[in-house]
């Protein structure tokens, strides 16, 4: 692509690519050496420069990695193949996903009712009509309630925002604006829900590991927990492993819940979960939710001592199972 004013190809620095895609400079350099892509040119100072086609490819690569694909598979793919795969992913998510990876609805589970307002919300976001967007989201919340709002509106809207960003129809600042508006709405709704319930165990500590900055999915999970009457301890994002252990012990956590997106290396995720499992008391359950492929292997996770939570609707079932197990233990002790 060239500038419509000068006719000169538009080039982006590595810092520009990092801001636009969320891929770190170190990641881009490693991919360049390992996979032969991206293939930047160099300016007179020897700094990397990327054209628009490479930026578009990297947007799709990032989206597919967030959906659970391994970098070794998608980084070197031609743009046409990335587009096809991303389209397939989008279709699959719209048929049964919940906005937390490539998971699908279980057989026999009813598909969530489509939210017809999503195209209008995207238009408001493009126009940066914050007042209208907040009001429309609030109306949807009043009509559906918090749980249905999360599953039927926020989760699919997350997908649409991500896809629009990949396709260049939304800028990074618009994606950030969406996140801020939704987080504000959900925090207010969650606080109101908490006042209407007597919160009881399990007491769930929520956070992410260093290098995982995404907070919206974590907040959505916390909303689901509060709706189930759970006590929550949100630590925010990027908490070091020793601090997670210390917080769990100091706060008497029954469950430690971690959120992951596709930007995290599966081997590092597995290692962190194994280390955390060893450091936490045996009675403290460990939940992991998100888009890393490792988290979809339920039998391996259970054997390793942690429970995958791939979908929002898994959370109520997980809470019910924890309470049933706890009641059984109390009955045995009695």
Protein backbone atom coordinates (compact mmCIF):
# COMPACT_ATOMS: atom_id res chain seq x y z
CA UNK A 1 0.00 0.00 0.00
CA UNK A 2 1.19 3.51 -0.80
CA UNK A 3 0.36 6.87 0.66
CA UNK A 4 -2.49 8.53 -1.23
CA UNK A 5 -0.65 11.84 -0.89
CA UNK A 6 2.96 11.02 -1.76
CA UNK A 7 2.65 7.72 -3.61
CA UNK A 8 5.42 6.35 -1.37
CA UNK A 9 4.90 2.94 0.30
CA UNK A 10 3.87 3.26 3.94
CA UNK A 11 6.44 1.72 6.26
CA UNK A 12 6.12 0.96 9.97
CA UNK A 13 8.81 0.75 12.63
CA UNK A 14 9.05 -2.23 14.95
CA UNK A 15 7.61 -0.02 17.70
CA UNK A 16 4.62 0.74 15.45
CA UNK A 17 4.06 -2.99 14.89
CA UNK A 18 4.29 -3.68 18.61
CA UNK A 19 1.70 -0.99 19.42
CA UNK A 20 -0.68 -2.10 16.66
CA UNK A 21 -0.56 -5.87 17.16
CA UNK A 22 0.48 -6.28 20.78
CA UNK A 23 3.33 -8.55 19.64
CA UNK A 24 6.52 -7.66 21.50
CA UNK A 25 9.67 -6.59 19.71
CA UNK A 26 11.47 -9.67 21.04
CA UNK A 27 8.73 -11.93 19.65
CA UNK A 28 8.98 -10.29 16.22
CA UNK A 29 12.77 -10.73 16.17
CA UNK A 30 12.52 -14.38 17.22
CA UNK A 31 9.94 -15.12 14.52
CA UNK A 32 12.13 -13.39 11.96
CA UNK A 33 15.01 -15.73 12.78
CA UNK A 34 13.01 -18.91 13.38
CA UNK A 35 10.27 -18.75 10.75
CA UNK A 36 11.60 -16.31 8.16
CA UNK A 37 8.72 -13.93 8.78
CA UNK A 38 8.29 -11.06 9.17
CA UNK A 39 10.88 -9.85 6.65
CA UNK A 40 11.55 -6.20 7.41
CA UNK A 41 13.71 -3.91 5.36
CA UNK A 42 16.19 -1.55 7.04
CA UNK A 43 16.33 2.22 7.00
CA UNK A 44 19.51 4.28 6.78
CA UNK A 45 20.09 3.77 10.51
CA UNK A 46 19.65 0.02 10.25
CA UNK A 47 16.26 0.04 12.00
CA UNK A 48 13.61 -2.47 10.94
CA UNK A 49 10.76 -1.29 8.72
CA UNK A 50 7.60 -3.24 7.83
CA UNK A 51 5.17 -2.63 4.98
CA UNK A 52 1.37 -2.76 5.20
CA UNK A 53 1.11 -6.34 3.94
CA UNK A 54 3.34 -7.58 6.74
CA UNK A 55 1.33 -5.58 9.27
CA UNK A 56 -1.90 -7.16 7.98
CA UNK A 57 -0.38 -10.65 8.14
CA UNK A 58 0.82 -10.05 11.68
CA UNK A 59 -2.65 -8.92 12.74
CA UNK A 60 -4.12 -12.19 11.48
CA UNK A 61 -1.29 -14.22 13.02
CA UNK A 62 -1.93 -12.57 16.39
CA UNK A 63 -5.66 -13.27 16.16
CA UNK A 64 -5.10 -16.94 15.30
CA UNK A 65 -2.59 -17.38 18.10
CA UNK A 66 -5.14 -15.85 20.48
CA UNK A 67 -7.57 -18.47 19.16
CA UNK A 68 -5.20 -21.26 20.17
CA UNK A 69 -3.02 -21.92 17.11
CA UNK A 70 0.69 -22.46 17.62
CA UNK A 71 3.10 -19.89 16.15
CA UNK A 72 4.97 -22.64 14.31
CA UNK A 73 1.88 -23.32 12.26
CA UNK A 74 0.62 -19.85 11.39
CA UNK A 75 3.52 -17.37 11.44
CA UNK A 76 4.91 -18.32 8.03
CA UNK A 77 1.51 -18.79 6.35
CA UNK A 78 0.78 -16.68 3.25
CA UNK A 79 -1.85 -14.00 3.73
CA UNK A 80 -4.46 -15.87 1.67
CA UNK A 81 -4.15 -18.94 3.91
CA UNK A 82 -4.32 -16.80 7.04
CA UNK A 83 -7.48 -15.15 5.77
CA UNK A 84 -9.09 -18.51 5.06
CA UNK A 85 -8.15 -19.95 8.43
CA UNK A 86 -9.26 -16.82 10.27
CA UNK A 87 -12.59 -16.92 8.45
CA UNK A 88 -13.07 -20.55 9.50
CA UNK A 89 -12.24 -19.65 13.09
CA UNK A 90 -14.71 -16.79 13.06
CA UNK A 91 -17.48 -19.00 11.66
CA UNK A 92 -16.83 -21.67 14.27
CA UNK A 93 -16.86 -19.17 17.13
CA UNK A 94 -20.10 -17.62 15.94
CA UNK A 95 -21.74 -21.06 15.84
CA UNK A 96 -20.80 -22.09 19.34
CA UNK A 97 -17.94 -20.21 21.01
CA UNK A 98 -18.15 -18.03 24.09
CA UNK A 99 -15.33 -15.62 23.46
CA UNK A 100 -12.72 -17.52 25.42
CA UNK A 101 -10.85 -19.44 22.74
CA UNK A 102 -11.67 -22.11 20.20
CA UNK A 103 -13.92 -24.10 22.49
CA UNK A 104 -17.37 -25.09 21.24
CA UNK A 105 -20.70 -25.55 22.90
CA UNK A 106 -21.20 -29.03 24.27
CA UNK A 107 -23.50 -31.39 22.38
CA UNK A 108 -27.12 -30.61 23.18
CA UNK A 109 -26.37 -27.18 24.67
CA UNK A 110 -28.65 -24.49 23.25
CA UNK A 111 -26.90 -21.87 21.15
CA UNK A 112 -26.98 -18.40 22.70
CA UNK A 113 -29.56 -16.04 21.24
CA UNK A 114 -27.86 -13.72 18.74
CA UNK A 115 -27.46 -10.13 19.87
CA UNK A 116 -28.81 -8.00 17.02
CA UNK A 117 -27.28 -4.83 18.45
CA UNK A 118 -23.66 -5.82 17.79
CA UNK A 119 -23.41 -4.15 14.35
CA UNK A 120 -24.81 -0.95 15.87
CA UNK A 121 -22.29 -1.11 18.72
CA UNK A 122 -19.46 -1.51 16.22
CA UNK A 123 -20.71 1.53 14.32
CA UNK A 124 -20.84 3.55 17.55
CA UNK A 125 -17.31 2.41 18.33
CA UNK A 126 -16.04 3.47 14.91
CA UNK A 127 -17.66 6.88 15.42
CA UNK A 128 -16.40 6.98 19.02
CA UNK A 129 -19.91 7.80 20.19
CA UNK A 130 -19.17 6.81 23.77
CA UNK A 131 -22.43 8.10 25.24
CA UNK A 132 -24.57 6.14 22.78
CA UNK A 133 -22.46 3.01 23.20
CA UNK A 134 -22.72 3.11 27.00
CA UNK A 135 -26.46 3.71 26.88
CA UNK A 136 -27.08 0.90 24.40
CA UNK A 137 -24.95 -1.58 26.36
CA UNK A 138 -26.73 -0.57 29.56
CA UNK A 139 -30.11 -1.17 27.90
CA UNK A 140 -28.99 -4.62 26.78
CA UNK A 141 -27.89 -5.36 30.33
CA UNK A 142 -31.28 -4.32 31.72
CA UNK A 143 -33.11 -6.46 29.17
CA UNK A 144 -31.01 -9.61 29.48
CA UNK A 145 -29.42 -9.58 32.92
CA UNK A 146 -25.71 -9.88 33.59
CA UNK A 147 -25.19 -13.59 32.81
CA UNK A 148 -26.99 -13.47 29.45
CA UNK A 149 -25.32 -10.16 28.67
CA UNK A 150 -21.90 -11.75 29.11
CA UNK A 151 -22.61 -14.85 27.01
CA UNK A 152 -24.90 -13.42 24.34
CA UNK A 153 -23.52 -9.91 23.93
CA UNK A 154 -20.09 -9.24 25.39
CA UNK A 155 -18.42 -12.48 24.31
CA UNK A 156 -19.54 -12.25 20.65
CA UNK A 157 -18.85 -8.52 20.62
CA UNK A 158 -15.30 -9.28 21.76
CA UNK A 159 -14.93 -11.54 18.72
CA UNK A 160 -16.28 -8.91 16.38
CA UNK A 161 -14.02 -6.21 17.80
CA UNK A 162 -11.00 -8.49 17.45
CA UNK A 163 -11.92 -9.43 13.89
CA UNK A 164 -12.50 -5.79 12.94
CA UNK A 165 -9.11 -4.90 14.36
CA UNK A 166 -7.50 -7.71 12.35
CA UNK A 167 -9.15 -6.47 9.16
CA UNK A 168 -8.07 -2.89 9.81
CA UNK A 169 -11.62 -1.58 10.35
CA UNK A 170 -10.87 -0.69 13.97
CA UNK A 171 -7.75 1.04 15.27
CA UNK A 172 -5.97 0.14 18.48
CA UNK A 173 -7.37 3.21 20.25
CA UNK A 174 -10.91 2.13 19.34
CA UNK A 175 -10.27 -1.37 20.69
CA UNK A 176 -9.00 0.19 23.91
CA UNK A 177 -12.05 2.43 24.07
CA UNK A 178 -14.32 -0.59 23.79
CA UNK A 179 -12.48 -2.36 26.58
CA UNK A 180 -12.75 0.65 28.89
CA UNK A 181 -16.48 1.10 28.26
CA UNK A 182 -17.29 -2.59 28.79
CA UNK A 183 -15.12 -2.89 31.88
CA UNK A 184 -16.87 0.10 33.45
CA UNK A 185 -20.28 -1.38 32.71
CA UNK A 186 -19.38 -4.83 34.03
CA UNK A 187 -17.78 -3.53 37.22
CA UNK A 188 -20.90 -1.54 38.05
CA UNK A 189 -23.20 -4.47 37.29
CA UNK A 190 -21.03 -6.84 39.30
CA UNK A 191 -21.00 -4.54 42.31
CA UNK A 192 -24.78 -4.34 42.21
CA UNK A 193 -25.08 -8.13 41.89
CA UNK A 194 -22.78 -8.59 44.90
CA UNK A 195 -25.07 -6.46 47.10
CA UNK A 196 -28.03 -8.68 46.23
CA UNK A 197 -26.35 -11.90 47.33
CA UNK A 198 -24.88 -13.39 50.46
CA UNK A 199 -21.41 -14.26 49.24
CA UNK A 200 -20.18 -17.63 50.44
CA UNK A 201 -17.30 -19.97 49.58
CA UNK A 202 -15.55 -20.75 47.41
CA UNK A 203 -13.27 -17.78 47.81
CA UNK A 204 -11.65 -17.32 44.39
CA UNK A 205 -8.46 -15.38 43.73
CA UNK A 206 -8.25 -14.14 40.11
CA UNK A 207 -5.19 -12.89 38.23
CA UNK A 208 -2.86 -13.48 35.29
CA UNK A 209 0.84 -14.25 35.15
CA UNK A 210 3.53 -11.75 34.12
CA UNK A 211 3.40 -11.16 30.37
CA UNK A 212 -0.39 -11.58 30.22
CA UNK A 213 -1.95 -8.07 30.19
CA UNK A 214 -5.49 -8.96 29.07
CA UNK A 215 -8.01 -8.16 31.81
CA UNK A 216 -11.46 -8.21 30.18
CA UNK A 217 -11.79 -11.99 30.16
CA UNK A 218 -10.74 -12.09 33.81
CA UNK A 219 -13.42 -9.54 34.69
CA UNK A 220 -16.05 -11.54 32.79
CA UNK A 221 -15.08 -14.63 34.78
CA UNK A 222 -15.32 -12.68 38.03
CA UNK A 223 -18.83 -11.54 37.08
CA UNK A 224 -19.89 -15.15 36.59
CA UNK A 225 -18.42 -16.09 39.96
CA UNK A 226 -20.23 -13.27 41.76
CA UNK A 227 -23.50 -14.33 40.13
CA UNK A 228 -22.89 -17.77 41.67
CA UNK A 229 -22.51 -16.10 45.09
CA UNK A 230 -18.75 -16.64 45.30
CA UNK A 231 -16.34 -14.48 47.22
CA UNK A 232 -13.76 -13.04 44.81
CA UNK A 233 -10.30 -11.57 45.30
CA UNK A 234 -9.23 -9.81 42.08
CA UNK A 235 -5.52 -9.06 41.90
CA UNK A 236 -5.56 -7.60 38.40
CA UNK A 237 -3.08 -8.76 35.79
CA UNK A 238 0.56 -9.86 35.69
CA UNK A 239 1.07 -11.04 39.25
CA UNK A 240 4.38 -12.85 39.92
CA UNK A 241 4.06 -16.48 40.95
CA UNK A 242 5.38 -16.02 44.52
CA UNK A 243 2.90 -13.18 45.05
CA UNK A 244 0.01 -15.36 43.88
CA UNK A 245 0.98 -17.99 46.42
CA UNK A 246 1.36 -15.40 49.17
CA UNK A 247 -1.99 -13.80 48.35
CA UNK A 248 -3.75 -17.15 48.28
CA UNK A 249 -2.36 -18.08 51.68
CA UNK A 250 -2.97 -14.67 53.26
CA UNK A 251 -6.52 -14.41 51.93
CA UNK A 252 -7.57 -17.99 52.55
CA UNK A 253 -8.34 -18.68 48.88
CA UNK A 254 -10.21 -21.87 48.06
CA UNK A 255 -9.51 -21.53 44.33
CA UNK A 256 -6.83 -19.72 42.36
CA UNK A 257 -8.11 -18.83 38.87
CA UNK A 258 -5.68 -17.73 36.16
CA UNK A 259 -6.50 -16.27 32.75
CA UNK A 260 -4.43 -16.86 29.62
CA UNK A 261 -4.55 -15.66 26.03
CA UNK A 262 -2.74 -17.01 23.00
CA UNK A 263 0.23 -14.68 23.43
CA UNK A 264 1.63 -16.93 26.15
CA UNK A 265 3.90 -19.84 25.29
CA UNK A 266 2.16 -23.17 26.05
CA UNK A 267 5.30 -24.66 27.58
CA UNK A 268 5.66 -21.67 29.88
CA UNK A 269 1.99 -21.92 30.83
CA UNK A 270 2.38 -25.61 31.67
CA UNK A 271 5.51 -24.93 33.71
CA UNK A 272 3.84 -22.09 35.62
CA UNK A 273 0.78 -24.20 36.40
CA UNK A 274 2.96 -27.08 37.57
CA UNK A 275 5.01 -24.79 39.80
CA UNK A 276 1.94 -23.11 41.20
CA UNK A 277 0.31 -26.47 41.91
CA UNK A 278 3.37 -27.55 43.87
CA UNK A 279 3.47 -24.34 45.90
CA UNK A 280 -0.23 -24.09 46.72
CA UNK A 281 -1.74 -26.17 49.52
CA UNK A 282 -3.41 -29.34 48.19
CA UNK A 283 -6.82 -28.11 49.34
CA UNK A 284 -6.61 -25.01 47.10
CA UNK A 285 -8.05 -25.75 43.65
CA UNK A 286 -6.33 -24.33 40.57
CA UNK A 287 -8.40 -23.19 37.59
CA UNK A 288 -7.03 -22.04 34.24
CA UNK A 289 -9.08 -20.38 31.54
CA UNK A 290 -8.28 -18.92 28.15
CA UNK A 291 -7.01 -19.65 24.69
CA UNK A 292 -3.79 -21.63 25.06
CA UNK A 293 -4.29 -25.06 23.39
CA UNK A 294 -2.94 -26.76 26.49
CA UNK A 295 -6.04 -25.65 28.39
CA UNK A 296 -8.32 -27.69 26.15
CA UNK A 297 -6.77 -31.01 27.16
CA UNK A 298 -8.97 -31.67 30.14
CA UNK A 299 -7.75 -35.16 31.00
CA UNK A 300 -4.13 -34.03 31.11
CA UNK A 301 -5.05 -30.99 33.17
CA UNK A 302 -6.96 -33.02 35.75
CA UNK A 303 -4.06 -35.41 36.09
CA UNK A 304 -1.73 -32.46 36.64
CA UNK A 305 -3.93 -31.06 39.41
CA UNK A 306 -5.58 -28.10 37.71
CA UNK A 307 -8.95 -27.61 36.07
CA UNK A 308 -9.45 -26.00 32.64
CA UNK A 309 -12.28 -23.48 32.32
CA UNK A 310 -12.56 -22.93 28.59
CA UNK A 311 -16.00 -21.30 28.53
CA UNK A 312 -17.93 -18.86 30.67
CA UNK A 313 -20.66 -21.45 31.18
CA UNK A 314 -18.08 -23.83 32.66
CA UNK A 315 -17.76 -21.57 35.68
CA UNK A 316 -21.18 -22.23 37.28
CA UNK A 317 -20.64 -25.95 36.78
CA UNK A 318 -17.20 -25.71 38.35
CA UNK A 319 -18.58 -23.84 41.35
CA UNK A 320 -21.36 -26.39 41.79
CA UNK A 321 -18.85 -29.25 41.62
CA UNK A 322 -16.58 -27.57 44.19
CA UNK A 323 -19.49 -27.02 46.59
CA UNK A 324 -20.73 -30.58 46.17
CA UNK A 325 -17.26 -31.93 46.89
CA UNK A 326 -16.91 -29.66 49.89
CA UNK A 327 -20.30 -30.77 51.23
CA UNK A 328 -19.26 -34.39 50.81
CA UNK A 329 -16.05 -33.76 52.73
CA UNK A 330 -17.91 -31.97 55.51
CA UNK A 331 -20.36 -34.87 55.70
CA UNK A 332 -17.54 -37.37 55.94
CA UNK A 333 -15.86 -35.39 58.71
CA UNK A 334 -19.22 -35.10 60.51
